Amino acid sequence: MMEYKGYVGVVQFDADAHLFHGDVINTRDVITFQGKSVTEIERAFRESIDEYLAWCEEEKVSPEKPYSGKFNLRLSPELHKEIAVAAKKLNLSINSFVEKAVVDELSVVNH
């Protein structure tokens, strides 16, 4: 993965075409890039982000920001109740409780 100005790009190699191609994964807008070498793909990634931001400015639209920190989560009413009760027992907000649970799980996955 690569990161530039908060945008994250993932690259794959196409052995048939002898070409790297990538996508920005943390935005709903479609931003792609390609290159024949590591140097080219890194440069193309940065250029694609810069071109996207310039296009947004020219069109007077706000660029989609990579992850605002907000997302909707749908749960069963029973699980929602369990979370609310557990959070209350720990003197946490539901948001803090869920954030802690996610952080704990990520630490397991990432180690």
C-alpha atoms as a PDB file:
ATOM      1  CA  MET A   1       0.000   0.000   0.000  1.00  0.00           C
ATOM      2  CA  MET A   2       1.013   3.581  -0.586  1.00  0.00           C
ATOM      3  CA  GLU A   3      -0.215   6.757   1.070  1.00  0.00           C
ATOM      4  CA  TYR A   4      -0.200  10.324  -0.209  1.00  0.00           C
ATOM      5  CA  LYS A   5      -2.162  13.293   1.142  1.00  0.00           C
ATOM      6  CA  GLY A   6      -4.288  10.889   3.185  1.00  0.00           C
ATOM      7  CA  TYR A   7      -5.251   8.741   0.200  1.00  0.00           C
ATOM      8  CA  VAL A   8      -4.277   5.063   0.199  1.00  0.00           C
ATOM      9  CA  GLY A   9      -3.407   3.202  -2.974  1.00  0.00           C
ATOM     10  CA  VAL A  10      -3.160  -0.544  -3.500  1.00  0.00           C
ATOM     11  CA  VAL A  11      -1.127  -1.939  -6.366  1.00  0.00           C
ATOM     12  CA  GLN A  12      -1.299  -5.231  -8.246  1.00  0.00           C
ATOM     13  CA  PHE A  13       1.013  -6.571 -10.922  1.00  0.00           C
ATOM     14  CA  ASP A  14      -0.381  -7.829 -14.232  1.00  0.00           C
ATOM     15  CA  ALA A  15       2.168 -10.421 -15.373  1.00  0.00           C
ATOM     16  CA  ASP A  16       0.627 -10.712 -18.834  1.00  0.00           C
ATOM     17  CA  ALA A  17       0.831  -6.969 -19.525  1.00  0.00           C
ATOM     18  CA  HIS A  18       4.030  -6.481 -17.473  1.00  0.00           C
ATOM     19  CA  LEU A  19       2.318  -3.559 -15.800  1.00  0.00           C
ATOM     20  CA  PHE A  20       1.538  -2.391 -12.292  1.00  0.00           C
ATOM     21  CA  HIS A  21      -1.963  -0.983 -11.818  1.00  0.00           C
ATOM     22  CA  GLY A  22      -3.474   0.512  -8.726  1.00  0.00           C
ATOM     23  CA  ASP A  23      -6.599   1.906  -7.173  1.00  0.00           C
ATOM     24  CA  VAL A  24      -7.193   4.379  -4.378  1.00  0.00           C
ATOM     25  CA  ILE A  25      -9.165   2.398  -1.824  1.00  0.00           C
ATOM     26  CA  ASN A  26     -10.263   4.925   0.763  1.00  0.00           C
ATOM     27  CA  THR A  27     -12.647   6.991  -1.329  1.00  0.00           C
ATOM     28  CA  ARG A  28     -15.818   6.200  -3.246  1.00  0.00           C
ATOM     29  CA  ASP A  29     -14.542   8.293  -6.156  1.00  0.00           C
ATOM     30  CA  VAL A  30     -12.665   6.200  -8.705  1.00  0.00           C
ATOM     31  CA  ILE A  31      -8.964   7.044  -8.808  1.00  0.00           C
ATOM     32  CA  THR A  32      -6.658   4.674 -10.686  1.00  0.00           C
ATOM     33  CA  PHE A  33      -3.028   4.721 -11.779  1.00  0.00           C
ATOM     34  CA  GLN A  34      -0.511   2.518 -13.559  1.00  0.00           C
ATOM     35  CA  GLY A  35       3.181   2.179 -14.329  1.00  0.00           C
ATOM     36  CA  LYS A  36       5.815  -0.213 -15.597  1.00  0.00           C
ATOM     37  CA  SER A  37       8.178   0.094 -12.617  1.00  0.00           C
ATOM     38  CA  VAL A  38       8.016   0.829  -8.919  1.00  0.00           C
ATOM     39  CA  THR A  39       9.228   4.360  -9.594  1.00  0.00           C
ATOM     40  CA  GLU A  40       6.586   4.879 -12.291  1.00  0.00           C
ATOM     41  CA  ILE A  41       3.728   3.498 -10.175  1.00  0.00           C
ATOM     42  CA  GLU A  42       4.699   5.661  -7.200  1.00  0.00           C
ATOM     43  CA  ARG A  43       4.851   8.758  -9.411  1.00  0.00           C
ATOM     44  CA  ALA A  44       1.571   7.866 -11.153  1.00  0.00           C
ATOM     45  CA  PHE A  45      -0.134   7.416  -7.767  1.00  0.00           C
ATOM     46  CA  ARG A  46       0.893  10.881  -6.590  1.00  0.00           C
ATOM     47  CA  GLU A  47       0.003  12.435  -9.964  1.00  0.00           C
ATOM     48  CA  SER A  48      -3.442  10.803  -9.949  1.00  0.00           C
ATOM     49  CA  ILE A  49      -4.187  12.232  -6.497  1.00  0.00           C
ATOM     50  CA  ASP A  50      -2.933  15.680  -7.519  1.00  0.00           C
ATOM     51  CA  GLU A  51      -4.989  15.547 -10.746  1.00  0.00           C
ATOM     52  CA  TYR A  52      -8.085  14.471  -8.806  1.00  0.00           C
ATOM     53  CA  LEU A  53      -7.670  17.349  -6.346  1.00  0.00           C
ATOM     54  CA  ALA A  54      -7.050  19.830  -9.198  1.00  0.00           C
ATOM     55  CA  TRP A  55     -10.151  18.574 -11.043  1.00  0.00           C
ATOM     56  CA  CYS A  56     -12.244  18.996  -7.904  1.00  0.00           C
ATOM     57  CA  GLU A  57     -10.959  22.548  -7.514  1.00  0.00           C
ATOM     58  CA  GLU A  58     -11.673  23.396 -11.177  1.00  0.00           C
ATOM     59  CA  GLU A  59     -15.186  21.924 -10.973  1.00  0.00           C
ATOM     60  CA  LYS A  60     -15.795  23.655  -7.626  1.00  0.00           C
ATOM     61  CA  VAL A  61     -16.652  20.368  -5.921  1.00  0.00           C
ATOM     62  CA  SER A  62     -15.309  19.162  -2.620  1.00  0.00           C
ATOM     63  CA  PRO A  63     -12.936  16.232  -2.963  1.00  0.00           C
ATOM     64  CA  GLU A  64     -14.093  13.215  -1.086  1.00  0.00           C
ATOM     65  CA  LYS A  65     -12.079  13.124   2.085  1.00  0.00           C
ATOM     66  CA  PRO A  66     -10.527   9.807   2.955  1.00  0.00           C
ATOM     67  CA  TYR A  67     -12.558   8.449   5.844  1.00  0.00           C
ATOM     68  CA  SER A  68     -14.343  11.014   7.922  1.00  0.00           C
ATOM     69  CA  GLY A  69     -14.328   8.823  11.016  1.00  0.00           C
ATOM     70  CA  LYS A  70     -18.072   8.254  10.738  1.00  0.00           C
ATOM     71  CA  PHE A  71     -19.878   5.210   9.413  1.00  0.00           C
ATOM     72  CA  ASN A  72     -23.263   3.628   9.913  1.00  0.00           C
ATOM     73  CA  LEU A  73     -23.443   0.249  11.563  1.00  0.00           C
ATOM     74  CA  ARG A  74     -26.557  -1.906  11.446  1.00  0.00           C
ATOM     75  CA  LEU A  75     -27.095  -4.353  14.301  1.00  0.00           C
ATOM     76  CA  SER A  76     -29.920  -6.455  15.573  1.00  0.00           C
ATOM     77  CA  PRO A  77     -31.932  -4.744  18.319  1.00  0.00           C
ATOM     78  CA  GLU A  78     -30.789  -7.440  20.752  1.00  0.00           C
ATOM     79  CA  LEU A  79     -27.097  -6.809  20.057  1.00  0.00           C
ATOM     80  CA  HIS A  80     -27.641  -3.044  20.235  1.00  0.00           C
ATOM     81  CA  LYS A  81     -29.197  -3.535  23.691  1.00  0.00           C
ATOM     82  CA  GLU A  82     -26.300  -5.748  24.836  1.00  0.00           C
ATOM     83  CA  ILE A  83     -23.781  -3.148  23.714  1.00  0.00           C
ATOM     84  CA  ALA A  84     -25.670  -0.329  25.434  1.00  0.00           C
ATOM     85  CA  VAL A  85     -25.846  -2.263  28.712  1.00  0.00           C
ATOM     86  CA  ALA A  86     -22.175  -3.305  28.564  1.00  0.00           C
ATOM     87  CA  ALA A  87     -21.098   0.263  27.771  1.00  0.00           C
ATOM     88  CA  LYS A  88     -23.155   1.611  30.669  1.00  0.00           C
ATOM     89  CA  LYS A  89     -21.566  -0.943  33.042  1.00  0.00           C
ATOM     90  CA  LEU A  90     -18.130   0.300  31.965  1.00  0.00           C
ATOM     91  CA  ASN A  91     -19.225   3.947  32.184  1.00  0.00           C
ATOM     92  CA  LEU A  92     -18.563   4.389  28.451  1.00  0.00           C
ATOM     93  CA  SER A  93     -20.614   5.791  25.620  1.00  0.00           C
ATOM     94  CA  ILE A  94     -21.757   3.257  23.034  1.00  0.00           C
ATOM     95  CA  ASN A  95     -19.374   4.917  20.575  1.00  0.00           C
ATOM     96  CA  SER A  96     -16.403   4.561  22.936  1.00  0.00           C
ATOM     97  CA  PHE A  97     -17.324   0.961  23.702  1.00  0.00           C
ATOM     98  CA  VAL A  98     -17.525   0.009  20.019  1.00  0.00           C
ATOM     99  CA  GLU A  99     -14.337   1.921  19.200  1.00  0.00           C
ATOM    100  CA  LYS A 100     -12.480   0.064  21.960  1.00  0.00           C
ATOM    101  CA  ALA A 101     -13.814  -3.294  20.723  1.00  0.00           C
ATOM    102  CA  VAL A 102     -12.700  -2.525  17.180  1.00  0.00           C
ATOM    103  CA  VAL A 103      -9.244  -1.355  18.311  1.00  0.00           C
ATOM    104  CA  ASP A 104      -8.853  -4.531  20.388  1.00  0.00           C
ATOM    105  CA  GLU A 105      -9.773  -6.730  17.407  1.00  0.00           C
ATOM    106  CA  LEU A 106      -7.476  -4.792  15.055  1.00  0.00           C
ATOM    107  CA  SER A 107      -4.563  -5.298  17.423  1.00  0.00           C
ATOM    108  CA  VAL A 108      -5.168  -9.060  17.216  1.00  0.00           C
ATOM    109  CA  VAL A 109      -5.460  -9.038  13.417  1.00  0.00           C
ATOM    110  CA  ASN A 110      -2.437  -6.787  12.874  1.00  0.00           C
ATOM    111  CA  HIS A 111      -0.063  -8.709  15.144  1.00  0.00           C
END
